[in-house]
């Protein structure tokens, strides 16, 4: 198994956001208590290529604090068939919201063509209006995340529509269609990520993500009309508790909901063919 060092964060002002050294120190403490899935380009569609197993603070001569992580790369040289038994796991940070919560990366804040619509969409839901999500990529994929809170297994469809109500459901769908019709977004790759949390029959809470790439009007209508009930069926067929699952990732396109991979709580991905 290959191990590498990576810089995960640093203090100072980056993209007009100030990160004090104290935040870096606290982040190191937190990261040492959990596994962090290592993905390429923050793209959740791709299974993690490794996991961060530890972190430390490195102070440069100019006083800048770096959060440096040590990562294990899944290169096939180690046996990850059995879950780790060291007590560490991927932390699933459950967010319960009354309606829904919207968070986009810098594309939606900085693109003048969609910024106003983005803020209107955020105002429809709940959550912290000052929360921001910035990626360190030079040219990040446009990413918009819609979170719907916690549901019970096989109760997603009923819970989804009762939480939104008909009026809010239509407003959300219409606003999303207006955003993704904008010409500026059509010039690059866009990801729309719907996120929910599901409680299994044994009480385990897992994170479930449905990703639509370059969403069309038909994709958006299809998601709201069919995907919640499709999730009830597909999630019920997965060995969530047997495999110690913490996250499930699907894609939705051309009316098809496809399982991309599941993630064990020790940060090891399991491809759909192995489920």
C-alpha atoms as a PDB file:
ATOM      1  CA  UNK A   1       0.000   0.000   0.000  1.00  0.00           C
ATOM      2  CA  UNK A   2       1.348   3.403  -1.003  1.00  0.00           C
ATOM      3  CA  UNK A   3       1.203   6.361   1.371  1.00  0.00           C
ATOM      4  CA  UNK A   4       1.449  10.002   0.314  1.00  0.00           C
ATOM      5  CA  UNK A   5       1.502  13.408   1.988  1.00  0.00           C
ATOM      6  CA  UNK A   6      -1.052  15.990   0.877  1.00  0.00           C
ATOM      7  CA  UNK A   7      -1.768  19.589   1.895  1.00  0.00           C
ATOM      8  CA  UNK A   8      -5.420  19.752   2.893  1.00  0.00           C
ATOM      9  CA  UNK A   9      -5.703  23.393   3.978  1.00  0.00           C
ATOM     10  CA  UNK A  10      -3.662  26.397   5.039  1.00  0.00           C
ATOM     11  CA  UNK A  11      -4.077  29.538   7.089  1.00  0.00           C
ATOM     12  CA  UNK A  12      -4.300  32.996   5.575  1.00  0.00           C
ATOM     13  CA  UNK A  13      -6.569  34.637   3.027  1.00  0.00           C
ATOM     14  CA  UNK A  14      -7.538  32.493   0.047  1.00  0.00           C
ATOM     15  CA  UNK A  15     -10.226  33.674  -2.386  1.00  0.00           C
ATOM     16  CA  UNK A  16     -11.112  36.462   0.048  1.00  0.00           C
ATOM     17  CA  UNK A  17     -11.789  33.962   2.857  1.00  0.00           C
ATOM     18  CA  UNK A  18      -9.655  34.252   6.022  1.00  0.00           C
ATOM     19  CA  UNK A  19      -8.615  31.018   7.742  1.00  0.00           C
ATOM     20  CA  UNK A  20      -6.916  31.688  11.114  1.00  0.00           C
ATOM     21  CA  UNK A  21      -4.125  29.359  12.328  1.00  0.00           C
ATOM     22  CA  UNK A  22      -6.389  28.243  15.186  1.00  0.00           C
ATOM     23  CA  UNK A  23      -8.797  26.727  12.670  1.00  0.00           C
ATOM     24  CA  UNK A  24      -5.973  24.681  11.113  1.00  0.00           C
ATOM     25  CA  UNK A  25      -4.914  23.370  14.526  1.00  0.00           C
ATOM     26  CA  UNK A  26      -8.473  22.380  15.422  1.00  0.00           C
ATOM     27  CA  UNK A  27      -8.965  20.745  12.024  1.00  0.00           C
ATOM     28  CA  UNK A  28      -5.902  18.551  12.597  1.00  0.00           C
ATOM     29  CA  UNK A  29      -7.381  17.288  15.879  1.00  0.00           C
ATOM     30  CA  UNK A  30     -10.650  16.446  14.177  1.00  0.00           C
ATOM     31  CA  UNK A  31      -9.042  14.767  11.160  1.00  0.00           C
ATOM     32  CA  UNK A  32      -7.035  12.470  13.429  1.00  0.00           C
ATOM     33  CA  UNK A  33     -10.274  11.050  14.789  1.00  0.00           C
ATOM     34  CA  UNK A  34     -11.731   9.991  11.447  1.00  0.00           C
ATOM     35  CA  UNK A  35     -11.052   8.750   7.933  1.00  0.00           C
ATOM     36  CA  UNK A  36     -11.360  11.266   5.081  1.00  0.00           C
ATOM     37  CA  UNK A  37     -12.200   9.822   1.626  1.00  0.00           C
ATOM     38  CA  UNK A  38      -9.680  11.031  -0.967  1.00  0.00           C
ATOM     39  CA  UNK A  39     -11.390  11.929  -4.246  1.00  0.00           C
ATOM     40  CA  UNK A  40     -10.153  13.439  -7.505  1.00  0.00           C
ATOM     41  CA  UNK A  41     -11.281  17.008  -8.137  1.00  0.00           C
ATOM     42  CA  UNK A  42     -13.982  16.880  -5.442  1.00  0.00           C
ATOM     43  CA  UNK A  43     -16.024  14.778  -7.898  1.00  0.00           C
ATOM     44  CA  UNK A  44     -18.346  12.549  -5.884  1.00  0.00           C
ATOM     45  CA  UNK A  45     -19.229  10.517  -9.000  1.00  0.00           C
ATOM     46  CA  UNK A  46     -15.811   8.851  -8.827  1.00  0.00           C
ATOM     47  CA  UNK A  47     -15.061   6.362  -6.034  1.00  0.00           C
ATOM     48  CA  UNK A  48     -12.359   7.556  -3.615  1.00  0.00           C
ATOM     49  CA  UNK A  49      -8.841   6.566  -4.640  1.00  0.00           C
ATOM     50  CA  UNK A  50      -7.670   6.472  -1.028  1.00  0.00           C
ATOM     51  CA  UNK A  51      -8.302   7.776   2.469  1.00  0.00           C
ATOM     52  CA  UNK A  52      -6.590  10.276   4.737  1.00  0.00           C
ATOM     53  CA  UNK A  53      -5.592   8.404   7.891  1.00  0.00           C
ATOM     54  CA  UNK A  54      -3.875  11.154   9.912  1.00  0.00           C
ATOM     55  CA  UNK A  55      -3.064  14.858   9.864  1.00  0.00           C
ATOM     56  CA  UNK A  56      -0.589  17.265  11.406  1.00  0.00           C
ATOM     57  CA  UNK A  57       0.091  20.999  11.440  1.00  0.00           C
ATOM     58  CA  UNK A  58       3.233  22.216   9.653  1.00  0.00           C
ATOM     59  CA  UNK A  59       4.299  25.808  10.355  1.00  0.00           C
ATOM     60  CA  UNK A  60       6.252  27.532   7.573  1.00  0.00           C
ATOM     61  CA  UNK A  61       8.938  30.179   8.131  1.00  0.00           C
ATOM     62  CA  UNK A  62       6.465  32.964   7.349  1.00  0.00           C
ATOM     63  CA  UNK A  63       4.043  31.706  10.001  1.00  0.00           C
ATOM     64  CA  UNK A  64       1.619  30.060   7.591  1.00  0.00           C
ATOM     65  CA  UNK A  65       0.025  26.957   9.111  1.00  0.00           C
ATOM     66  CA  UNK A  66      -0.456  23.988   6.776  1.00  0.00           C
ATOM     67  CA  UNK A  67      -2.802  21.108   7.464  1.00  0.00           C
ATOM     68  CA  UNK A  68      -0.836  18.171   6.078  1.00  0.00           C
ATOM     69  CA  UNK A  69      -2.484  14.793   5.785  1.00  0.00           C
ATOM     70  CA  UNK A  70      -1.095  11.307   5.319  1.00  0.00           C
ATOM     71  CA  UNK A  71      -3.170   9.277   2.875  1.00  0.00           C
ATOM     72  CA  UNK A  72      -3.325   5.606   1.975  1.00  0.00           C
ATOM     73  CA  UNK A  73      -3.812   4.990  -1.746  1.00  0.00           C
ATOM     74  CA  UNK A  74      -5.985   2.050  -2.809  1.00  0.00           C
ATOM     75  CA  UNK A  75      -3.538   0.556  -5.321  1.00  0.00           C
ATOM     76  CA  UNK A  76      -4.458  -3.101  -4.915  1.00  0.00           C
ATOM     77  CA  UNK A  77      -1.398  -3.984  -2.835  1.00  0.00           C
ATOM     78  CA  UNK A  78      -3.338  -4.301   0.428  1.00  0.00           C
ATOM     79  CA  UNK A  79      -6.380  -6.340   1.424  1.00  0.00           C
ATOM     80  CA  UNK A  80      -9.346  -4.093   2.168  1.00  0.00           C
ATOM     81  CA  UNK A  81     -11.948  -6.867   1.948  1.00  0.00           C
ATOM     82  CA  UNK A  82     -12.645  -6.652   5.671  1.00  0.00           C
ATOM     83  CA  UNK A  83     -13.532  -3.388   7.445  1.00  0.00           C
ATOM     84  CA  UNK A  84     -10.901  -1.807   9.683  1.00  0.00           C
ATOM     85  CA  UNK A  85     -11.227  -2.517  13.388  1.00  0.00           C
ATOM     86  CA  UNK A  86      -9.278   0.420  14.818  1.00  0.00           C
ATOM     87  CA  UNK A  87     -12.363   2.425  15.769  1.00  0.00           C
ATOM     88  CA  UNK A  88     -11.903   5.076  13.088  1.00  0.00           C
ATOM     89  CA  UNK A  89     -14.615   5.739  10.543  1.00  0.00           C
ATOM     90  CA  UNK A  90     -15.846   8.253   8.001  1.00  0.00           C
ATOM     91  CA  UNK A  91     -17.930  10.809   9.862  1.00  0.00           C
ATOM     92  CA  UNK A  92     -21.357  11.326   8.319  1.00  0.00           C
ATOM     93  CA  UNK A  93     -22.480  14.761   9.440  1.00  0.00           C
ATOM     94  CA  UNK A  94     -26.233  14.473   9.459  1.00  0.00           C
ATOM     95  CA  UNK A  95     -28.105  17.670   8.697  1.00  0.00           C
ATOM     96  CA  UNK A  96     -31.802  17.861   9.535  1.00  0.00           C
ATOM     97  CA  UNK A  97     -33.635  20.708   7.836  1.00  0.00           C
ATOM     98  CA  UNK A  98     -37.289  21.737   7.872  1.00  0.00           C
ATOM     99  CA  UNK A  99     -37.622  22.033   4.092  1.00  0.00           C
ATOM    100  CA  UNK A 100     -34.409  21.824   2.095  1.00  0.00           C
ATOM    101  CA  UNK A 101     -30.970  23.423   2.085  1.00  0.00           C
ATOM    102  CA  UNK A 102     -29.022  24.744  -0.899  1.00  0.00           C
ATOM    103  CA  UNK A 103     -25.262  25.157  -1.223  1.00  0.00           C
ATOM    104  CA  UNK A 104     -23.300  25.817  -4.409  1.00  0.00           C
ATOM    105  CA  UNK A 105     -19.596  26.277  -5.005  1.00  0.00           C
ATOM    106  CA  UNK A 106     -18.048  29.521  -6.212  1.00  0.00           C
ATOM    107  CA  UNK A 107     -19.489  29.131  -9.717  1.00  0.00           C
ATOM    108  CA  UNK A 108     -22.951  30.067  -8.499  1.00  0.00           C
ATOM    109  CA  UNK A 109     -21.757  32.977  -6.377  1.00  0.00           C
ATOM    110  CA  UNK A 110     -19.453  34.543  -8.958  1.00  0.00           C
ATOM    111  CA  UNK A 111     -21.399  33.986 -12.194  1.00  0.00           C
ATOM    112  CA  UNK A 112     -23.452  37.159 -12.669  1.00  0.00           C
ATOM    113  CA  UNK A 113     -25.844  35.268 -14.917  1.00  0.00           C
ATOM    114  CA  UNK A 114     -26.993  32.915 -12.132  1.00  0.00           C
ATOM    115  CA  UNK A 115     -26.022  34.611  -8.838  1.00  0.00           C
ATOM    116  CA  UNK A 116     -29.422  36.230  -8.224  1.00  0.00           C
ATOM    117  CA  UNK A 117     -31.329  33.046  -9.063  1.00  0.00           C
ATOM    118  CA  UNK A 118     -28.986  31.099  -6.796  1.00  0.00           C
ATOM    119  CA  UNK A 119     -29.724  33.385  -3.847  1.00  0.00           C
ATOM    120  CA  UNK A 120     -33.462  33.175  -4.555  1.00  0.00           C
ATOM    121  CA  UNK A 121     -33.190  29.387  -4.528  1.00  0.00           C
ATOM    122  CA  UNK A 122     -31.347  29.443  -1.202  1.00  0.00           C
ATOM    123  CA  UNK A 123     -34.026  31.710   0.268  1.00  0.00           C
ATOM    124  CA  UNK A 124     -36.717  29.142  -0.609  1.00  0.00           C
ATOM    125  CA  UNK A 125     -35.094  26.584   1.655  1.00  0.00           C
ATOM    126  CA  UNK A 126     -33.469  26.818   5.060  1.00  0.00           C
ATOM    127  CA  UNK A 127     -29.981  26.653   6.511  1.00  0.00           C
ATOM    128  CA  UNK A 128     -27.292  29.234   7.166  1.00  0.00           C
ATOM    129  CA  UNK A 129     -27.444  31.975   4.485  1.00  0.00           C
ATOM    130  CA  UNK A 130     -23.803  32.884   5.182  1.00  0.00           C
ATOM    131  CA  UNK A 131     -22.469  29.363   4.599  1.00  0.00           C
ATOM    132  CA  UNK A 132     -20.100  29.159   1.634  1.00  0.00           C
ATOM    133  CA  UNK A 133     -18.475  26.284  -0.205  1.00  0.00           C
ATOM    134  CA  UNK A 134     -15.301  27.018  -2.139  1.00  0.00           C
ATOM    135  CA  UNK A 135     -13.174  24.482  -3.980  1.00  0.00           C
ATOM    136  CA  UNK A 136      -9.419  24.897  -4.374  1.00  0.00           C
ATOM    137  CA  UNK A 137      -9.451  23.799  -8.017  1.00  0.00           C
ATOM    138  CA  UNK A 138      -8.343  26.333 -10.641  1.00  0.00           C
ATOM    139  CA  UNK A 139     -11.381  25.543 -12.806  1.00  0.00           C
ATOM    140  CA  UNK A 140     -13.883  23.725 -10.576  1.00  0.00           C
ATOM    141  CA  UNK A 141     -16.894  21.846 -11.872  1.00  0.00           C
ATOM    142  CA  UNK A 142     -20.092  23.800 -11.234  1.00  0.00           C
ATOM    143  CA  UNK A 143     -21.616  22.020  -8.236  1.00  0.00           C
ATOM    144  CA  UNK A 144     -25.013  22.692  -6.682  1.00  0.00           C
ATOM    145  CA  UNK A 145     -26.048  20.607  -3.659  1.00  0.00           C
ATOM    146  CA  UNK A 146     -29.668  20.323  -2.493  1.00  0.00           C
ATOM    147  CA  UNK A 147     -30.049  18.675   0.929  1.00  0.00           C
ATOM    148  CA  UNK A 148     -33.390  17.342   2.169  1.00  0.00           C
ATOM    149  CA  UNK A 149     -32.612  16.037   5.669  1.00  0.00           C
ATOM    150  CA  UNK A 150     -33.353  12.638   7.231  1.00  0.00           C
ATOM    151  CA  UNK A 151     -35.800   9.958   6.036  1.00  0.00           C
ATOM    152  CA  UNK A 152     -36.536   6.374   7.004  1.00  0.00           C
ATOM    153  CA  UNK A 153     -35.672   3.473   4.737  1.00  0.00           C
ATOM    154  CA  UNK A 154     -38.629   2.766   2.403  1.00  0.00           C
ATOM    155  CA  UNK A 155     -40.178   6.054   3.518  1.00  0.00           C
ATOM    156  CA  UNK A 156     -38.330   8.429   1.201  1.00  0.00           C
ATOM    157  CA  UNK A 157     -41.109   9.033  -1.332  1.00  0.00           C
ATOM    158  CA  UNK A 158     -43.786   9.778   1.266  1.00  0.00           C
ATOM    159  CA  UNK A 159     -41.451  11.834   3.432  1.00  0.00           C
ATOM    160  CA  UNK A 160     -40.038  13.772   0.505  1.00  0.00           C
ATOM    161  CA  UNK A 161     -43.350  15.121  -0.738  1.00  0.00           C
ATOM    162  CA  UNK A 162     -44.867  15.710   2.697  1.00  0.00           C
ATOM    163  CA  UNK A 163     -41.803  17.754   3.673  1.00  0.00           C
ATOM    164  CA  UNK A 164     -41.938  19.969   0.591  1.00  0.00           C
ATOM    165  CA  UNK A 165     -45.650  20.290  -0.033  1.00  0.00           C
ATOM    166  CA  UNK A 166     -47.071  20.909  -3.499  1.00  0.00           C
ATOM    167  CA  UNK A 167     -46.417  24.668  -3.589  1.00  0.00           C
ATOM    168  CA  UNK A 168     -42.765  24.505  -2.505  1.00  0.00           C
ATOM    169  CA  UNK A 169     -42.189  21.453  -4.681  1.00  0.00           C
ATOM    170  CA  UNK A 170     -43.260  23.376  -7.797  1.00  0.00           C
ATOM    171  CA  UNK A 171     -41.255  26.477  -6.841  1.00  0.00           C
ATOM    172  CA  UNK A 172     -38.083  24.451  -6.281  1.00  0.00           C
ATOM    173  CA  UNK A 173     -38.444  22.598  -9.573  1.00  0.00           C
ATOM    174  CA  UNK A 174     -39.131  25.825 -11.511  1.00  0.00           C
ATOM    175  CA  UNK A 175     -36.178  27.669  -9.952  1.00  0.00           C
ATOM    176  CA  UNK A 176     -33.772  24.840 -10.756  1.00  0.00           C
ATOM    177  CA  UNK A 177     -34.961  24.748 -14.352  1.00  0.00           C
ATOM    178  CA  UNK A 178     -34.356  28.489 -14.700  1.00  0.00           C
ATOM    179  CA  UNK A 179     -30.841  28.201 -13.286  1.00  0.00           C
ATOM    180  CA  UNK A 180     -29.716  25.368 -15.546  1.00  0.00           C
ATOM    181  CA  UNK A 181     -31.201  27.047 -18.611  1.00  0.00           C
ATOM    182  CA  UNK A 182     -28.628  29.832 -18.304  1.00  0.00           C
ATOM    183  CA  UNK A 183     -26.199  29.971 -21.196  1.00  0.00           C
ATOM    184  CA  UNK A 184     -23.140  30.553 -19.002  1.00  0.00           C
ATOM    185  CA  UNK A 185     -23.680  27.212 -17.250  1.00  0.00           C
ATOM    186  CA  UNK A 186     -24.110  25.339 -20.516  1.00  0.00           C
ATOM    187  CA  UNK A 187     -20.514  26.230 -21.429  1.00  0.00           C
ATOM    188  CA  UNK A 188     -19.023  23.956 -18.748  1.00  0.00           C
ATOM    189  CA  UNK A 189     -19.806  20.756 -16.880  1.00  0.00           C
ATOM    190  CA  UNK A 190     -22.439  21.117 -14.159  1.00  0.00           C
ATOM    191  CA  UNK A 191     -23.328  18.754 -11.349  1.00  0.00           C
ATOM    192  CA  UNK A 192     -26.608  18.855  -9.466  1.00  0.00           C
ATOM    193  CA  UNK A 193     -26.283  16.760  -6.323  1.00  0.00           C
ATOM    194  CA  UNK A 194     -29.358  15.804  -4.301  1.00  0.00           C
ATOM    195  CA  UNK A 195     -28.421  14.638  -0.810  1.00  0.00           C
ATOM    196  CA  UNK A 196     -30.521  12.931   1.838  1.00  0.00           C
ATOM    197  CA  UNK A 197     -29.833  10.906   4.966  1.00  0.00           C
ATOM    198  CA  UNK A 198     -31.577   7.580   5.494  1.00  0.00           C
ATOM    199  CA  UNK A 199     -32.053   5.563   8.676  1.00  0.00           C
ATOM    200  CA  UNK A 200     -31.801   1.819   8.118  1.00  0.00           C
ATOM    201  CA  UNK A 201     -33.913  -0.740   9.964  1.00  0.00           C
ATOM    202  CA  UNK A 202     -31.110  -1.172  12.542  1.00  0.00           C
ATOM    203  CA  UNK A 203     -30.827   2.575  13.163  1.00  0.00           C
ATOM    204  CA  UNK A 204     -27.735   3.173  11.017  1.00  0.00           C
ATOM    205  CA  UNK A 205     -27.767   6.588   9.302  1.00  0.00           C
ATOM    206  CA  UNK A 206     -26.301   6.673   5.808  1.00  0.00           C
ATOM    207  CA  UNK A 207     -25.716   9.505   3.358  1.00  0.00           C
ATOM    208  CA  UNK A 208     -27.384   9.060  -0.033  1.00  0.00           C
ATOM    209  CA  UNK A 209     -26.435  11.175  -3.046  1.00  0.00           C
ATOM    210  CA  UNK A 210     -28.056  11.347  -6.476  1.00  0.00           C
ATOM    211  CA  UNK A 211     -25.949  13.216  -9.036  1.00  0.00           C
ATOM    212  CA  UNK A 212     -27.249  14.613 -12.324  1.00  0.00           C
ATOM    213  CA  UNK A 213     -24.614  15.716 -14.833  1.00  0.00           C
ATOM    214  CA  UNK A 214     -25.582  18.718 -16.969  1.00  0.00           C
ATOM    215  CA  UNK A 215     -29.243  18.473 -15.891  1.00  0.00           C
ATOM    216  CA  UNK A 216     -31.837  18.957 -18.614  1.00  0.00           C
ATOM    217  CA  UNK A 217     -35.468  19.950 -18.127  1.00  0.00           C
ATOM    218  CA  UNK A 218     -36.450  16.291 -18.525  1.00  0.00           C
ATOM    219  CA  UNK A 219     -33.852  15.208 -15.950  1.00  0.00           C
ATOM    220  CA  UNK A 220     -35.240  17.642 -13.379  1.00  0.00           C
ATOM    221  CA  UNK A 221     -38.851  16.630 -13.977  1.00  0.00           C
ATOM    222  CA  UNK A 222     -37.898  12.964 -13.880  1.00  0.00           C
ATOM    223  CA  UNK A 223     -36.014  13.326 -10.618  1.00  0.00           C
ATOM    224  CA  UNK A 224     -38.904  14.893  -8.734  1.00  0.00           C
ATOM    225  CA  UNK A 225     -41.527  12.625 -10.301  1.00  0.00           C
ATOM    226  CA  UNK A 226     -39.815   9.242 -10.038  1.00  0.00           C
ATOM    227  CA  UNK A 227     -36.493   9.136  -8.156  1.00  0.00           C
ATOM    228  CA  UNK A 228     -37.760   9.224  -4.517  1.00  0.00           C
ATOM    229  CA  UNK A 229     -39.771   6.024  -5.045  1.00  0.00           C
ATOM    230  CA  UNK A 230     -36.901   4.491  -7.052  1.00  0.00           C
ATOM    231  CA  UNK A 231     -34.584   5.152  -4.106  1.00  0.00           C
ATOM    232  CA  UNK A 232     -36.970   3.340  -1.763  1.00  0.00           C
ATOM    233  CA  UNK A 233     -36.746   0.255  -3.968  1.00  0.00           C
ATOM    234  CA  UNK A 234     -33.015   0.297  -4.733  1.00  0.00           C
ATOM    235  CA  UNK A 235     -31.789   1.107  -1.221  1.00  0.00           C
ATOM    236  CA  UNK A 236     -33.917  -1.680   0.255  1.00  0.00           C
ATOM    237  CA  UNK A 237     -32.069  -4.187  -1.940  1.00  0.00           C
ATOM    238  CA  UNK A 238     -28.586  -3.156  -0.764  1.00  0.00           C
ATOM    239  CA  UNK A 239     -26.815  -4.925   2.161  1.00  0.00           C
ATOM    240  CA  UNK A 240     -26.388  -1.629   4.010  1.00  0.00           C
ATOM    241  CA  UNK A 241     -25.900  -3.071   7.483  1.00  0.00           C
ATOM    242  CA  UNK A 242     -23.979  -6.197   6.419  1.00  0.00           C
ATOM    243  CA  UNK A 243     -21.352  -4.154   4.533  1.00  0.00           C
ATOM    244  CA  UNK A 244     -21.086  -1.380   7.146  1.00  0.00           C
ATOM    245  CA  UNK A 245     -22.171   1.232   4.596  1.00  0.00           C
ATOM    246  CA  UNK A 246     -21.962   4.960   5.343  1.00  0.00           C
ATOM    247  CA  UNK A 247     -22.575   6.500   1.898  1.00  0.00           C
ATOM    248  CA  UNK A 248     -24.317   5.514  -1.338  1.00  0.00           C
ATOM    249  CA  UNK A 249     -23.863   7.386  -4.624  1.00  0.00           C
ATOM    250  CA  UNK A 250     -26.205   7.162  -7.619  1.00  0.00           C
ATOM    251  CA  UNK A 251     -26.335   8.913 -10.970  1.00  0.00           C
ATOM    252  CA  UNK A 252     -29.554   9.842 -12.747  1.00  0.00           C
ATOM    253  CA  UNK A 253     -29.758  10.338 -16.493  1.00  0.00           C
ATOM    254  CA  UNK A 254     -32.100   9.373 -19.323  1.00  0.00           C
ATOM    255  CA  UNK A 255     -34.749   8.269 -16.767  1.00  0.00           C
ATOM    256  CA  UNK A 256     -32.273   5.745 -15.296  1.00  0.00           C
ATOM    257  CA  UNK A 257     -31.134   5.702 -11.669  1.00  0.00           C
ATOM    258  CA  UNK A 258     -27.764   3.921 -11.561  1.00  0.00           C
ATOM    259  CA  UNK A 259     -25.718   2.856  -8.560  1.00  0.00           C
ATOM    260  CA  UNK A 260     -22.157   4.166  -8.933  1.00  0.00           C
ATOM    261  CA  UNK A 261     -20.648   2.818  -5.707  1.00  0.00           C
ATOM    262  CA  UNK A 262     -21.158   2.482  -1.987  1.00  0.00           C
ATOM    263  CA  UNK A 263     -18.677   3.550   0.687  1.00  0.00           C
ATOM    264  CA  UNK A 264     -17.911   1.571   3.814  1.00  0.00           C
ATOM    265  CA  UNK A 265     -17.500   3.418   7.082  1.00  0.00           C
ATOM    266  CA  UNK A 266     -13.729   2.803   6.930  1.00  0.00           C
ATOM    267  CA  UNK A 267     -13.532   4.835   3.711  1.00  0.00           C
ATOM    268  CA  UNK A 268     -13.160   1.891   1.324  1.00  0.00           C
ATOM    269  CA  UNK A 269     -15.396   2.065  -1.790  1.00  0.00           C
ATOM    270  CA  UNK A 270     -17.301  -0.960  -3.052  1.00  0.00           C
ATOM    271  CA  UNK A 271     -18.233  -0.939  -6.721  1.00  0.00           C
ATOM    272  CA  UNK A 272     -21.761  -1.821  -7.788  1.00  0.00           C
ATOM    273  CA  UNK A 273     -20.706  -5.222  -9.178  1.00  0.00           C
ATOM    274  CA  UNK A 274     -19.444  -6.249  -5.727  1.00  0.00           C
ATOM    275  CA  UNK A 275     -22.579  -5.250  -3.800  1.00  0.00           C
END
